[in-house]
């Protein structure tokens, strides 16, 4: 999901910072929620990007 605060303009120099907001278990899987802030070098917020990463757990081995 993206939340745009203003369009990036020609000549803007942008930086990006990713913040891990949450890590949690969901059954055998793990979920990590992240938010990326995209800003100008003056600190003006341009966009926020939200991501959810799923790390799938392994199934139990047969006979283990």
C-alpha atoms as a PDB file:
ATOM      1  CA  UNK A   1       0.000   0.000   0.000  1.00  0.00           C
ATOM      2  CA  UNK A   2       1.256   3.470  -0.849  1.00  0.00           C
ATOM      3  CA  UNK A   3       0.252   6.780   0.712  1.00  0.00           C
ATOM      4  CA  UNK A   4       1.373   9.677  -1.485  1.00  0.00           C
ATOM      5  CA  UNK A   5       1.781  13.059   0.197  1.00  0.00           C
ATOM      6  CA  UNK A   6       2.936  14.917  -2.919  1.00  0.00           C
ATOM      7  CA  UNK A   7       4.391  13.983  -6.306  1.00  0.00           C
ATOM      8  CA  UNK A   8       8.152  13.671  -6.671  1.00  0.00           C
ATOM      9  CA  UNK A   9       9.374  16.499  -8.878  1.00  0.00           C
ATOM     10  CA  UNK A  10      12.294  16.699 -11.294  1.00  0.00           C
ATOM     11  CA  UNK A  11      15.366  17.740  -9.321  1.00  0.00           C
ATOM     12  CA  UNK A  12      14.187  16.206  -6.025  1.00  0.00           C
ATOM     13  CA  UNK A  13      16.830  14.163  -4.259  1.00  0.00           C
ATOM     14  CA  UNK A  14      15.058  11.429  -2.313  1.00  0.00           C
ATOM     15  CA  UNK A  15      16.020   9.227   0.606  1.00  0.00           C
ATOM     16  CA  UNK A  16      14.279   6.103   1.861  1.00  0.00           C
ATOM     17  CA  UNK A  17      14.170   4.696   5.384  1.00  0.00           C
ATOM     18  CA  UNK A  18      12.542   1.380   6.280  1.00  0.00           C
ATOM     19  CA  UNK A  19      11.044   0.839   9.734  1.00  0.00           C
ATOM     20  CA  UNK A  20      10.132  -2.653  10.960  1.00  0.00           C
ATOM     21  CA  UNK A  21       6.834  -2.021  12.735  1.00  0.00           C
ATOM     22  CA  UNK A  22       5.904  -5.547  13.840  1.00  0.00           C
ATOM     23  CA  UNK A  23       7.088  -9.157  13.747  1.00  0.00           C
ATOM     24  CA  UNK A  24       4.709 -11.872  14.847  1.00  0.00           C
ATOM     25  CA  UNK A  25       3.987 -15.588  14.587  1.00  0.00           C
ATOM     26  CA  UNK A  26       0.991 -16.810  12.596  1.00  0.00           C
ATOM     27  CA  UNK A  27       0.878 -20.571  12.996  1.00  0.00           C
ATOM     28  CA  UNK A  28       4.039 -21.967  11.371  1.00  0.00           C
ATOM     29  CA  UNK A  29       4.650 -18.679   9.544  1.00  0.00           C
ATOM     30  CA  UNK A  30       6.159 -15.400  10.663  1.00  0.00           C
ATOM     31  CA  UNK A  31       4.824 -12.012   9.514  1.00  0.00           C
ATOM     32  CA  UNK A  32       6.894  -8.843   9.355  1.00  0.00           C
ATOM     33  CA  UNK A  33       5.189  -5.476   8.806  1.00  0.00           C
ATOM     34  CA  UNK A  34       7.371  -2.686   7.433  1.00  0.00           C
ATOM     35  CA  UNK A  35       6.870   0.961   6.541  1.00  0.00           C
ATOM     36  CA  UNK A  36       9.173   2.851   4.190  1.00  0.00           C
ATOM     37  CA  UNK A  37       9.351   6.633   4.366  1.00  0.00           C
ATOM     38  CA  UNK A  38      10.468   8.384   1.192  1.00  0.00           C
ATOM     39  CA  UNK A  39      11.564  11.965   1.867  1.00  0.00           C
ATOM     40  CA  UNK A  40      13.427  14.796   0.219  1.00  0.00           C
ATOM     41  CA  UNK A  41      16.876  15.583   1.579  1.00  0.00           C
ATOM     42  CA  UNK A  42      15.168  18.552   3.331  1.00  0.00           C
ATOM     43  CA  UNK A  43      12.984  16.056   5.247  1.00  0.00           C
ATOM     44  CA  UNK A  44       9.692  16.614   3.397  1.00  0.00           C
ATOM     45  CA  UNK A  45       7.637  13.405   3.353  1.00  0.00           C
ATOM     46  CA  UNK A  46       6.809  12.370  -0.223  1.00  0.00           C
ATOM     47  CA  UNK A  47       5.411   8.849   0.171  1.00  0.00           C
ATOM     48  CA  UNK A  48       4.929   6.025   2.659  1.00  0.00           C
ATOM     49  CA  UNK A  49       5.027   2.433   1.424  1.00  0.00           C
ATOM     50  CA  UNK A  50       3.637  -0.380   3.591  1.00  0.00           C
ATOM     51  CA  UNK A  51       4.750  -4.011   3.155  1.00  0.00           C
ATOM     52  CA  UNK A  52       3.879  -7.311   4.779  1.00  0.00           C
ATOM     53  CA  UNK A  53       6.472 -10.075   4.390  1.00  0.00           C
ATOM     54  CA  UNK A  54       5.489 -13.685   5.097  1.00  0.00           C
ATOM     55  CA  UNK A  55       8.201 -16.162   6.014  1.00  0.00           C
ATOM     56  CA  UNK A  56       6.685 -19.587   5.519  1.00  0.00           C
ATOM     57  CA  UNK A  57       7.508 -22.199   8.097  1.00  0.00           C
ATOM     58  CA  UNK A  58       8.558 -25.695   7.149  1.00  0.00           C
ATOM     59  CA  UNK A  59       6.113 -28.566   7.276  1.00  0.00           C
ATOM     60  CA  UNK A  60       6.885 -31.370   9.710  1.00  0.00           C
ATOM     61  CA  UNK A  61       8.963 -34.109   8.079  1.00  0.00           C
ATOM     62  CA  UNK A  62       7.389 -37.534   7.652  1.00  0.00           C
ATOM     63  CA  UNK A  63       8.669 -39.965  10.247  1.00  0.00           C
ATOM     64  CA  UNK A  64      10.315 -37.224  12.346  1.00  0.00           C
END
